[in-house]
Amino acid sequence: MTDLRDVAALFPGLDVVELTQWVERSWVRPDPAGDGSWVFQDVDIARVRLIHDLRRACDVPAEAIPMLLSLLDQLYATRSRLDAVLRALERQPAAVRDAVRAALDT
């Protein structure tokens, strides 16, 4: 668990003010702490890294970030659902798995 200042310090050129704006825009959703501050988990830090890379390395304008994050969230959710389908398929009898494979090959 990491606080706002520690997270901002991990990324060159990212200050507390900008990171606070990202949280206020719901681009990053750290857990609230009892004192009104935020606690960043590993997943939050990974999202900060993504946004930082998009803004700095890829020069993506701030106006495009919400759309990109939404699309990426949808992609991750779809991947998670597909993983669940594959796990469910693995538990099926061989005949069912073969039929699904045959249907996908057509």
PDB file of N, CA and C in Angstrom:
ATOM      1  N   MET A   1       0.844  -1.181   0.000  1.00  0.00           N
ATOM      2  CA  MET A   1       0.000   0.000   0.000  1.00  0.00           C
ATOM      3  C   MET A   1       0.888   1.244   0.000  1.00  0.00           C
ATOM      4  N   THR A   2       0.531   2.163  -0.858  1.00  0.00           N
ATOM      5  CA  THR A   2       1.357   3.337  -1.065  1.00  0.00           C
ATOM      6  C   THR A   2       0.479   4.580  -1.078  1.00  0.00           C
ATOM      7  N   ASP A   3       1.044   5.694  -0.643  1.00  0.00           N
ATOM      8  CA  ASP A   3       0.252   6.926  -0.647  1.00  0.00           C
ATOM      9  C   ASP A   3       0.557   7.766  -1.887  1.00  0.00           C
ATOM     10  N   LEU A   4      -0.152   8.873  -2.005  1.00  0.00           N
ATOM     11  CA  LEU A   4      -0.100   9.737  -3.185  1.00  0.00           C
ATOM     12  C   LEU A   4       1.313  10.207  -3.508  1.00  0.00           C
ATOM     13  N   ARG A   5       2.018  10.698  -2.520  1.00  0.00           N
ATOM     14  CA  ARG A   5       3.369  11.225  -2.760  1.00  0.00           C
ATOM     15  C   ARG A   5       4.334  10.128  -3.197  1.00  0.00           C
ATOM     16  N   ASP A   6       4.232   8.968  -2.580  1.00  0.00           N
ATOM     17  CA  ASP A   6       5.109   7.861  -2.954  1.00  0.00           C
ATOM     18  C   ASP A   6       4.863   7.417  -4.391  1.00  0.00           C
ATOM     19  N   VAL A   7       3.588   7.382  -4.793  1.00  0.00           N
ATOM     20  CA  VAL A   7       3.262   6.970  -6.161  1.00  0.00           C
ATOM     21  C   VAL A   7       3.765   8.001  -7.155  1.00  0.00           C
ATOM     22  N   ALA A   8       3.518   9.273  -6.895  1.00  0.00           N
ATOM     23  CA  ALA A   8       3.976  10.327  -7.810  1.00  0.00           C
ATOM     24  C   ALA A   8       5.494  10.269  -7.977  1.00  0.00           C
ATOM     25  N   ALA A   9       6.208   9.969  -6.909  1.00  0.00           N
ATOM     26  CA  ALA A   9       7.670   9.923  -6.960  1.00  0.00           C
ATOM     27  C   ALA A   9       8.193   8.773  -7.823  1.00  0.00           C
ATOM     28  N   LEU A  10       7.361   7.785  -8.102  1.00  0.00           N
ATOM     29  CA  LEU A  10       7.792   6.642  -8.919  1.00  0.00           C
ATOM     30  C   LEU A  10       7.934   6.986 -10.399  1.00  0.00           C
ATOM     31  N   PHE A  11       7.320   8.094 -10.818  1.00  0.00           N
ATOM     32  CA  PHE A  11       7.230   8.401 -12.247  1.00  0.00           C
ATOM     33  C   PHE A  11       7.832   9.767 -12.553  1.00  0.00           C
ATOM     34  N   PRO A  12       8.814   9.790 -13.438  1.00  0.00           N
ATOM     35  CA  PRO A  12       9.469  11.061 -13.790  1.00  0.00           C
ATOM     36  C   PRO A  12       8.465  12.074 -14.343  1.00  0.00           C
ATOM     37  N   GLY A  13       8.514  13.273 -13.790  1.00  0.00           N
ATOM     38  CA  GLY A  13       7.668  14.352 -14.276  1.00  0.00           C
ATOM     39  C   GLY A  13       6.247  14.345 -13.758  1.00  0.00           C
ATOM     40  N   LEU A  14       5.890  13.343 -12.967  1.00  0.00           N
ATOM     41  CA  LEU A  14       4.538  13.285 -12.405  1.00  0.00           C
ATOM     42  C   LEU A  14       4.554  13.908 -11.010  1.00  0.00           C
ATOM     43  N   ASP A  15       3.739  14.923 -10.827  1.00  0.00           N
ATOM     44  CA  ASP A  15       3.675  15.542  -9.504  1.00  0.00           C
ATOM     45  C   ASP A  15       2.359  15.189  -8.821  1.00  0.00           C
ATOM     46  N   VAL A  16       2.265  15.539  -7.564  1.00  0.00           N
ATOM     47  CA  VAL A  16       1.099  15.219  -6.744  1.00  0.00           C
ATOM     48  C   VAL A  16      -0.157  15.889  -7.299  1.00  0.00           C
ATOM     49  N   VAL A  17      -0.023  17.097  -7.819  1.00  0.00           N
ATOM     50  CA  VAL A  17      -1.178  17.825  -8.353  1.00  0.00           C
ATOM     51  C   VAL A  17      -1.781  17.070  -9.536  1.00  0.00           C
ATOM     52  N   GLU A  18      -0.932  16.650 -10.470  1.00  0.00           N
ATOM     53  CA  GLU A  18      -1.438  15.939 -11.649  1.00  0.00           C
ATOM     54  C   GLU A  18      -2.034  14.586 -11.258  1.00  0.00           C
ATOM     55  N   LEU A  19      -1.353  13.864 -10.393  1.00  0.00           N
ATOM     56  CA  LEU A  19      -1.876  12.571  -9.951  1.00  0.00           C
ATOM     57  C   LEU A  19      -3.218  12.742  -9.236  1.00  0.00           C
ATOM     58  N   THR A  20      -3.344  13.783  -8.446  1.00  0.00           N
ATOM     59  CA  THR A  20      -4.619  14.080  -7.778  1.00  0.00           C
ATOM     60  C   THR A  20      -5.721  14.309  -8.810  1.00  0.00           C
ATOM     61  N   GLN A  21      -5.399  15.011  -9.881  1.00  0.00           N
ATOM     62  CA  GLN A  21      -6.384  15.229 -10.950  1.00  0.00           C
ATOM     63  C   GLN A  21      -6.810  13.904 -11.575  1.00  0.00           C
ATOM     64  N   TRP A  22      -5.873  12.986 -11.764  1.00  0.00           N
ATOM     65  CA  TRP A  22      -6.206  11.678 -12.344  1.00  0.00           C
ATOM     66  C   TRP A  22      -7.174  10.928 -11.443  1.00  0.00           C
ATOM     67  N   VAL A  23      -6.944  11.021 -10.146  1.00  0.00           N
ATOM     68  CA  VAL A  23      -7.848  10.362  -9.197  1.00  0.00           C
ATOM     69  C   VAL A  23      -9.212  11.049  -9.218  1.00  0.00           C
ATOM     70  N   GLU A  24      -9.225  12.369  -9.202  1.00  0.00           N
ATOM     71  CA  GLU A  24     -10.488  13.114  -9.208  1.00  0.00           C
ATOM     72  C   GLU A  24     -11.288  12.870 -10.483  1.00  0.00           C
ATOM     73  N   ARG A  25     -10.609  12.588 -11.581  1.00  0.00           N
ATOM     74  CA  ARG A  25     -11.281  12.267 -12.855  1.00  0.00           C
ATOM     75  C   ARG A  25     -11.665  10.785 -12.946  1.00  0.00           C
ATOM     76  N   SER A  26     -11.336  10.034 -11.908  1.00  0.00           N
ATOM     77  CA  SER A  26     -11.604   8.582 -11.835  1.00  0.00           C
ATOM     78  C   SER A  26     -10.816   7.788 -12.868  1.00  0.00           C
ATOM     79  N   TRP A  27      -9.698   8.322 -13.318  1.00  0.00           N
ATOM     80  CA  TRP A  27      -8.814   7.556 -14.183  1.00  0.00           C
ATOM     81  C   TRP A  27      -8.118   6.480 -13.367  1.00  0.00           C
ATOM     82  N   VAL A  28      -7.866   6.788 -12.109  1.00  0.00           N
ATOM     83  CA  VAL A  28      -7.256   5.871 -11.144  1.00  0.00           C
ATOM     84  C   VAL A  28      -8.187   5.866  -9.939  1.00  0.00           C
ATOM     85  N   ARG A  29      -8.412   4.697  -9.345  1.00  0.00           N
ATOM     86  CA  ARG A  29      -9.364   4.594  -8.236  1.00  0.00           C
ATOM     87  C   ARG A  29      -8.733   3.959  -7.005  1.00  0.00           C
ATOM     88  N   PRO A  30      -7.851   4.691  -6.329  1.00  0.00           N
ATOM     89  CA  PRO A  30      -7.252   4.145  -5.104  1.00  0.00           C
ATOM     90  C   PRO A  30      -8.295   4.055  -3.987  1.00  0.00           C
ATOM     91  N   ASP A  31      -7.979   3.268  -2.999  1.00  0.00           N
ATOM     92  CA  ASP A  31      -8.868   3.128  -1.840  1.00  0.00           C
ATOM     93  C   ASP A  31      -8.780   4.385  -0.977  1.00  0.00           C
ATOM     94  N   PRO A  32      -9.923   4.839  -0.454  1.00  0.00           N
ATOM     95  CA  PRO A  32      -9.868   5.974   0.467  1.00  0.00           C
ATOM     96  C   PRO A  32      -9.287   5.543   1.816  1.00  0.00           C
ATOM     97  N   ALA A  33      -8.493   6.406   2.387  1.00  0.00           N
ATOM     98  CA  ALA A  33      -7.958   6.166   3.732  1.00  0.00           C
ATOM     99  C   ALA A  33      -8.825   6.921   4.727  1.00  0.00           C
ATOM    100  N   GLY A  34      -8.736   6.585   5.976  1.00  0.00           N
ATOM    101  CA  GLY A  34      -9.557   7.203   7.004  1.00  0.00           C
ATOM    102  C   GLY A  34      -9.349   8.685   7.163  1.00  0.00           C
ATOM    103  N   ASP A  35      -8.195   9.184   6.774  1.00  0.00           N
ATOM    104  CA  ASP A  35      -7.880  10.599   6.979  1.00  0.00           C
ATOM    105  C   ASP A  35      -8.171  11.466   5.748  1.00  0.00           C
ATOM    106  N   GLY A  36      -8.885  10.921   4.774  1.00  0.00           N
ATOM    107  CA  GLY A  36      -9.209  11.669   3.564  1.00  0.00           C
ATOM    108  C   GLY A  36      -8.192  11.515   2.456  1.00  0.00           C
ATOM    109  N   SER A  37      -7.117  10.819   2.709  1.00  0.00           N
ATOM    110  CA  SER A  37      -6.125  10.576   1.663  1.00  0.00           C
ATOM    111  C   SER A  37      -6.482   9.290   0.919  1.00  0.00           C
ATOM    112  N   TRP A  38      -5.586   8.835   0.058  1.00  0.00           N
ATOM    113  CA  TRP A  38      -5.821   7.626  -0.717  1.00  0.00           C
ATOM    114  C   TRP A  38      -4.691   6.631  -0.493  1.00  0.00           C
ATOM    115  N   VAL A  39      -5.037   5.356  -0.633  1.00  0.00           N
ATOM    116  CA  VAL A  39      -4.056   4.279  -0.553  1.00  0.00           C
ATOM    117  C   VAL A  39      -4.055   3.565  -1.902  1.00  0.00           C
ATOM    118  N   PHE A  40      -2.902   3.524  -2.538  1.00  0.00           N
ATOM    119  CA  PHE A  40      -2.755   2.927  -3.858  1.00  0.00           C
ATOM    120  C   PHE A  40      -2.276   1.485  -3.725  1.00  0.00           C
ATOM    121  N   GLN A  41      -3.018   0.583  -4.339  1.00  0.00           N
ATOM    122  CA  GLN A  41      -2.631  -0.828  -4.414  1.00  0.00           C
ATOM    123  C   GLN A  41      -1.784  -1.022  -5.680  1.00  0.00           C
ATOM    124  N   ASP A  42      -1.235  -2.218  -5.851  1.00  0.00           N
ATOM    125  CA  ASP A  42      -0.413  -2.510  -7.030  1.00  0.00           C
ATOM    126  C   ASP A  42      -1.170  -2.261  -8.334  1.00  0.00           C
ATOM    127  N   VAL A  43      -2.444  -2.621  -8.367  1.00  0.00           N
ATOM    128  CA  VAL A  43      -3.238  -2.420  -9.586  1.00  0.00           C
ATOM    129  C   VAL A  43      -3.395  -0.931  -9.893  1.00  0.00           C
ATOM    130  N   ASP A  44      -3.509  -0.113  -8.866  1.00  0.00           N
ATOM    131  CA  ASP A  44      -3.602   1.338  -9.066  1.00  0.00           C
ATOM    132  C   ASP A  44      -2.295   1.889  -9.618  1.00  0.00           C
ATOM    133  N   ILE A  45      -1.200   1.409  -9.091  1.00  0.00           N
ATOM    134  CA  ILE A  45       0.114   1.864  -9.562  1.00  0.00           C
ATOM    135  C   ILE A  45       0.330   1.447 -11.009  1.00  0.00           C
ATOM    136  N   ALA A  46      -0.125   0.256 -11.375  1.00  0.00           N
ATOM    137  CA  ALA A  46      -0.023  -0.187 -12.764  1.00  0.00           C
ATOM    138  C   ALA A  46      -0.842   0.725 -13.680  1.00  0.00           C
ATOM    139  N   ARG A  47      -2.007   1.137 -13.216  1.00  0.00           N
ATOM    140  CA  ARG A  47      -2.844   2.035 -14.012  1.00  0.00           C
ATOM    141  C   ARG A  47      -2.195   3.416 -14.123  1.00  0.00           C
ATOM    142  N   VAL A  48      -1.586   3.895 -13.061  1.00  0.00           N
ATOM    143  CA  VAL A  48      -0.845   5.155 -13.122  1.00  0.00           C
ATOM    144  C   VAL A  48       0.286   5.026 -14.147  1.00  0.00           C
ATOM    145  N   ARG A  49       0.979   3.897 -14.125  1.00  0.00           N
ATOM    146  CA  ARG A  49       2.065   3.673 -15.096  1.00  0.00           C
ATOM    147  C   ARG A  49       1.522   3.747 -16.528  1.00  0.00           C
ATOM    148  N   LEU A  50       0.390   3.099 -16.769  1.00  0.00           N
ATOM    149  CA  LEU A  50      -0.227   3.126 -18.095  1.00  0.00           C
ATOM    150  C   LEU A  50      -0.564   4.552 -18.507  1.00  0.00           C
ATOM    151  N   ILE A  51      -1.236   5.291 -17.640  1.00  0.00           N
ATOM    152  CA  ILE A  51      -1.625   6.667 -17.960  1.00  0.00           C
ATOM    153  C   ILE A  51      -0.388   7.533 -18.166  1.00  0.00           C
ATOM    154  N   HIS A  52       0.594   7.361 -17.311  1.00  0.00           N
ATOM    155  CA  HIS A  52       1.841   8.116 -17.447  1.00  0.00           C
ATOM    156  C   HIS A  52       2.486   7.842 -18.804  1.00  0.00           C
ATOM    157  N   ASP A  53       2.547   6.588 -19.196  1.00  0.00           N
ATOM    158  CA  ASP A  53       3.125   6.234 -20.502  1.00  0.00           C
ATOM    159  C   ASP A  53       2.301   6.809 -21.652  1.00  0.00           C
ATOM    160  N   LEU A  54       0.984   6.723 -21.536  1.00  0.00           N
ATOM    161  CA  LEU A  54       0.137   7.284 -22.589  1.00  0.00           C
ATOM    162  C   LEU A  54       0.348   8.787 -22.725  1.00  0.00           C
ATOM    163  N   ARG A  55       0.416   9.469 -21.599  1.00  0.00           N
ATOM    164  CA  ARG A  55       0.556  10.928 -21.625  1.00  0.00           C
ATOM    165  C   ARG A  55       1.960  11.362 -22.034  1.00  0.00           C
ATOM    166  N   ARG A  56       2.990  10.696 -21.487  1.00  0.00           N
ATOM    167  CA  ARG A  56       4.365  11.148 -21.721  1.00  0.00           C
ATOM    168  C   ARG A  56       4.982  10.507 -22.971  1.00  0.00           C
ATOM    169  N   ALA A  57       5.018   9.199 -23.012  1.00  0.00           N
ATOM    170  CA  ALA A  57       5.715   8.514 -24.108  1.00  0.00           C
ATOM    171  C   ALA A  57       4.919   8.563 -25.409  1.00  0.00           C
ATOM    172  N   CYS A  58       3.598   8.452 -25.319  1.00  0.00           N
ATOM    173  CA  CYS A  58       2.765   8.409 -26.526  1.00  0.00           C
ATOM    174  C   CYS A  58       2.124   9.750 -26.853  1.00  0.00           C
ATOM    175  N   ASP A  59       2.278  10.719 -25.956  1.00  0.00           N
ATOM    176  CA  ASP A  59       1.746  12.071 -26.154  1.00  0.00           C
ATOM    177  C   ASP A  59       0.238  12.075 -26.432  1.00  0.00           C
ATOM    178  N   VAL A  60      -0.503  11.204 -25.734  1.00  0.00           N
ATOM    179  CA  VAL A  60      -1.954  11.145 -25.881  1.00  0.00           C
ATOM    180  C   VAL A  60      -2.563  12.322 -25.122  1.00  0.00           C
ATOM    181  N   PRO A  61      -3.436  13.079 -25.771  1.00  0.00           N
ATOM    182  CA  PRO A  61      -4.046  14.221 -25.083  1.00  0.00           C
ATOM    183  C   PRO A  61      -4.964  13.764 -23.950  1.00  0.00           C
ATOM    184  N   ALA A  62      -5.072  14.602 -22.944  1.00  0.00           N
ATOM    185  CA  ALA A  62      -5.882  14.273 -21.771  1.00  0.00           C
ATOM    186  C   ALA A  62      -7.324  13.948 -22.149  1.00  0.00           C
ATOM    187  N   GLU A  63      -7.854  14.606 -23.165  1.00  0.00           N
ATOM    188  CA  GLU A  63      -9.236  14.387 -23.573  1.00  0.00           C
ATOM    189  C   GLU A  63      -9.474  12.968 -24.084  1.00  0.00           C
ATOM    190  N   ALA A  64      -8.426  12.306 -24.578  1.00  0.00           N
ATOM    191  CA  ALA A  64      -8.565  10.953 -25.130  1.00  0.00           C
ATOM    192  C   ALA A  64      -8.379   9.860 -24.077  1.00  0.00           C
ATOM    193  N   ILE A  65      -7.829  10.204 -22.933  1.00  0.00           N
ATOM    194  CA  ILE A  65      -7.527   9.193 -21.903  1.00  0.00           C
ATOM    195  C   ILE A  65      -8.771   8.439 -21.438  1.00  0.00           C
ATOM    196  N   PRO A  66      -9.893   9.107 -21.117  1.00  0.00           N
ATOM    197  CA  PRO A  66     -11.063   8.346 -20.666  1.00  0.00           C
ATOM    198  C   PRO A  66     -11.527   7.294 -21.682  1.00  0.00           C
ATOM    199  N   MET A  67     -11.525   7.650 -22.964  1.00  0.00           N
ATOM    200  CA  MET A  67     -11.940   6.702 -23.989  1.00  0.00           C
ATOM    201  C   MET A  67     -10.973   5.518 -24.055  1.00  0.00           C
ATOM    202  N   LEU A  68      -9.680   5.799 -24.020  1.00  0.00           N
ATOM    203  CA  LEU A  68      -8.694   4.711 -24.069  1.00  0.00           C
ATOM    204  C   LEU A  68      -8.805   3.806 -22.854  1.00  0.00           C
ATOM    205  N   LEU A  69      -8.967   4.394 -21.679  1.00  0.00           N
ATOM    206  CA  LEU A  69      -9.102   3.585 -20.474  1.00  0.00           C
ATOM    207  C   LEU A  69     -10.360   2.729 -20.529  1.00  0.00           C
ATOM    208  N   SER A  70     -11.449   3.292 -21.029  1.00  0.00           N
ATOM    209  CA  SER A  70     -12.698   2.535 -21.166  1.00  0.00           C
ATOM    210  C   SER A  70     -12.516   1.356 -22.117  1.00  0.00           C
ATOM    211  N   LEU A  71     -11.881   1.607 -23.247  1.00  0.00           N
ATOM    212  CA  LEU A  71     -11.646   0.526 -24.214  1.00  0.00           C
ATOM    213  C   LEU A  71     -10.738  -0.557 -23.630  1.00  0.00           C
ATOM    214  N   LEU A  72      -9.706  -0.145 -22.926  1.00  0.00           N
ATOM    215  CA  LEU A  72      -8.814  -1.124 -22.299  1.00  0.00           C
ATOM    216  C   LEU A  72      -9.529  -1.913 -21.207  1.00  0.00           C
ATOM    217  N   ASP A  73     -10.363  -1.242 -20.425  1.00  0.00           N
ATOM    218  CA  ASP A  73     -11.139  -1.937 -19.394  1.00  0.00           C
ATOM    219  C   ASP A  73     -12.068  -2.971 -20.035  1.00  0.00           C
ATOM    220  N   GLN A  74     -12.695  -2.596 -21.149  1.00  0.00           N
ATOM    221  CA  GLN A  74     -13.565  -3.539 -21.860  1.00  0.00           C
ATOM    222  C   GLN A  74     -12.767  -4.727 -22.386  1.00  0.00           C
ATOM    223  N   LEU A  75     -11.591  -4.452 -22.908  1.00  0.00           N
ATOM    224  CA  LEU A  75     -10.740  -5.520 -23.424  1.00  0.00           C
ATOM    225  C   LEU A  75     -10.333  -6.482 -22.313  1.00  0.00           C
ATOM    226  N   TYR A  76      -9.928  -5.949 -21.160  1.00  0.00           N
ATOM    227  CA  TYR A  76      -9.552  -6.798 -20.027  1.00  0.00           C
ATOM    228  C   TYR A  76     -10.739  -7.614 -19.523  1.00  0.00           C
ATOM    229  N   ALA A  77     -11.930  -7.009 -19.492  1.00  0.00           N
ATOM    230  CA  ALA A  77     -13.130  -7.726 -19.052  1.00  0.00           C
ATOM    231  C   ALA A  77     -13.462  -8.850 -20.031  1.00  0.00           C
ATOM    232  N   THR A  78     -13.338  -8.570 -21.325  1.00  0.00           N
ATOM    233  CA  THR A  78     -13.592  -9.600 -22.334  1.00  0.00           C
ATOM    234  C   THR A  78     -12.585 -10.735 -22.207  1.00  0.00           C
ATOM    235  N   ARG A  79     -11.355 -10.392 -21.984  1.00  0.00           N
ATOM    236  CA  ARG A  79     -10.319 -11.428 -21.793  1.00  0.00           C
ATOM    237  C   ARG A  79     -10.633 -12.289 -20.579  1.00  0.00           C
ATOM    238  N   SER A  80     -11.080 -11.663 -19.506  1.00  0.00           N
ATOM    239  CA  SER A  80     -11.430 -12.403 -18.301  1.00  0.00           C
ATOM    240  C   SER A  80     -12.606 -13.351 -18.560  1.00  0.00           C
ATOM    241  N   ARG A  81     -13.616 -12.869 -19.293  1.00  0.00           N
ATOM    242  CA  ARG A  81     -14.763 -13.727 -19.620  1.00  0.00           C
ATOM    243  C   ARG A  81     -14.350 -14.876 -20.517  1.00  0.00           C
ATOM    244  N   LEU A  82     -13.473 -14.611 -21.474  1.00  0.00           N
ATOM    245  CA  LEU A  82     -12.993 -15.668 -22.359  1.00  0.00           C
ATOM    246  C   LEU A  82     -12.208 -16.713 -21.582  1.00  0.00           C
ATOM    247  N   ASP A  83     -11.394 -16.285 -20.634  1.00  0.00           N
ATOM    248  CA  ASP A  83     -10.677 -17.228 -19.773  1.00  0.00           C
ATOM    249  C   ASP A  83     -11.654 -18.112 -19.006  1.00  0.00           C
ATOM    250  N   ALA A  84     -12.752 -17.529 -18.513  1.00  0.00           N
ATOM    251  CA  ALA A  84     -13.768 -18.303 -17.791  1.00  0.00           C
ATOM    252  C   ALA A  84     -14.431 -19.316 -18.713  1.00  0.00           C
ATOM    253  N   VAL A  85     -14.709 -18.910 -19.944  1.00  0.00           N
ATOM    254  CA  VAL A  85     -15.304 -19.840 -20.916  1.00  0.00           C
ATOM    255  C   VAL A  85     -14.341 -20.987 -21.191  1.00  0.00           C
ATOM    256  N   LEU A  86     -13.072 -20.680 -21.359  1.00  0.00           N
ATOM    257  CA  LEU A  86     -12.082 -21.729 -21.632  1.00  0.00           C
ATOM    258  C   LEU A  86     -11.946 -22.688 -20.460  1.00  0.00           C
ATOM    259  N   ARG A  87     -11.971 -22.175 -19.242  1.00  0.00           N
ATOM    260  CA  ARG A  87     -11.918 -23.051 -18.059  1.00  0.00           C
ATOM    261  C   ARG A  87     -13.148 -23.950 -17.990  1.00  0.00           C
ATOM    262  N   ALA A  88     -14.309 -23.375 -18.302  1.00  0.00           N
ATOM    263  CA  ALA A  88     -15.539 -24.169 -18.304  1.00  0.00           C
ATOM    264  C   ALA A  88     -15.491 -25.226 -19.397  1.00  0.00           C
ATOM    265  N   LEU A  89     -14.973 -24.872 -20.525  1.00  0.00           N
ATOM    266  CA  LEU A  89     -14.866 -25.818 -21.636  1.00  0.00           C
ATOM    267  C   LEU A  89     -13.920 -26.963 -21.302  1.00  0.00           C
ATOM    268  N   GLU A  90     -12.847 -26.668 -20.600  1.00  0.00           N
ATOM    269  CA  GLU A  90     -11.897 -27.712 -20.204  1.00  0.00           C
ATOM    270  C   GLU A  90     -12.537 -28.753 -19.294  1.00  0.00           C
ATOM    271  N   ARG A  91     -13.590 -28.380 -18.571  1.00  0.00           N
ATOM    272  CA  ARG A  91     -14.268 -29.313 -17.661  1.00  0.00           C
ATOM    273  C   ARG A  91     -15.326 -30.158 -18.367  1.00  0.00           C
ATOM    274  N   GLN A  92     -15.549 -29.899 -19.637  1.00  0.00           N
ATOM    275  CA  GLN A  92     -16.567 -30.633 -20.388  1.00  0.00           C
ATOM    276  C   GLN A  92     -15.992 -31.933 -20.944  1.00  0.00           C
ATOM    277  N   PRO A  93     -16.876 -32.875 -21.265  1.00  0.00           N
ATOM    278  CA  PRO A  93     -16.412 -34.129 -21.874  1.00  0.00           C
ATOM    279  C   PRO A  93     -15.705 -33.854 -23.202  1.00  0.00           C
ATOM    280  N   ALA A  94     -14.859 -34.785 -23.578  1.00  0.00           N
ATOM    281  CA  ALA A  94     -14.074 -34.636 -24.809  1.00  0.00           C
ATOM    282  C   ALA A  94     -14.960 -34.393 -26.020  1.00  0.00           C
ATOM    283  N   ALA A  95     -16.107 -35.041 -26.079  1.00  0.00           N
ATOM    284  CA  ALA A  95     -17.001 -34.867 -27.231  1.00  0.00           C
ATOM    285  C   ALA A  95     -17.483 -33.417 -27.346  1.00  0.00           C
ATOM    286  N   VAL A  96     -17.777 -32.807 -26.223  1.00  0.00           N
ATOM    287  CA  VAL A  96     -18.218 -31.409 -26.232  1.00  0.00           C
ATOM    288  C   VAL A  96     -17.069 -30.510 -26.669  1.00  0.00           C
ATOM    289  N   ARG A  97     -15.881 -30.725 -26.107  1.00  0.00           N
ATOM    290  CA  ARG A  97     -14.712 -29.921 -26.494  1.00  0.00           C
ATOM    291  C   ARG A  97     -14.436 -30.058 -27.988  1.00  0.00           C
ATOM    292  N   ASP A  98     -14.516 -31.292 -28.498  1.00  0.00           N
ATOM    293  CA  ASP A  98     -14.282 -31.523 -29.934  1.00  0.00           C
ATOM    294  C   ASP A  98     -15.325 -30.817 -30.784  1.00  0.00           C
ATOM    295  N   ALA A  99     -16.585 -30.850 -30.348  1.00  0.00           N
ATOM    296  CA  ALA A  99     -17.642 -30.192 -31.103  1.00  0.00           C
ATOM    297  C   ALA A  99     -17.427 -28.677 -31.130  1.00  0.00           C
ATOM    298  N   VAL A 100     -17.009 -28.113 -30.033  1.00  0.00           N
ATOM    299  CA  VAL A 100     -16.748 -26.673 -29.990  1.00  0.00           C
ATOM    300  C   VAL A 100     -15.573 -26.327 -30.901  1.00  0.00           C
ATOM    301  N   ARG A 101     -14.512 -27.134 -30.829  1.00  0.00           N
ATOM    302  CA  ARG A 101     -13.355 -26.884 -31.720  1.00  0.00           C
ATOM    303  C   ARG A 101     -13.770 -26.960 -33.187  1.00  0.00           C
ATOM    304  N   ALA A 102     -14.579 -27.949 -33.519  1.00  0.00           N
ATOM    305  CA  ALA A 102     -15.040 -28.112 -34.908  1.00  0.00           C
ATOM    306  C   ALA A 102     -15.885 -26.905 -35.331  1.00  0.00           C
ATOM    307  N   ALA A 103     -16.725 -26.419 -34.429  1.00  0.00           N
ATOM    308  CA  ALA A 103     -17.570 -25.262 -34.751  1.00  0.00           C
ATOM    309  C   ALA A 103     -16.717 -24.007 -34.954  1.00  0.00           C
ATOM    310  N   LEU A 104     -15.638 -23.893 -34.204  1.00  0.00           N
ATOM    311  CA  LEU A 104     -14.768 -22.725 -34.343  1.00  0.00           C
ATOM    312  C   LEU A 104     -13.933 -22.786 -35.613  1.00  0.00           C
ATOM    313  N   ASP A 105     -13.671 -23.974 -36.117  1.00  0.00           N
ATOM    314  CA  ASP A 105     -12.855 -24.127 -37.318  1.00  0.00           C
ATOM    315  C   ASP A 105     -13.633 -23.816 -38.591  1.00  0.00           C
ATOM    316  N   THR A 106     -14.958 -23.752 -38.498  1.00  0.00           N
ATOM    317  CA  THR A 106     -15.748 -23.513 -39.718  1.00  0.00           C
ATOM    318  C   THR A 106     -15.951 -22.056 -39.973  1.00  0.00           C
TER     319      THR A 106
END
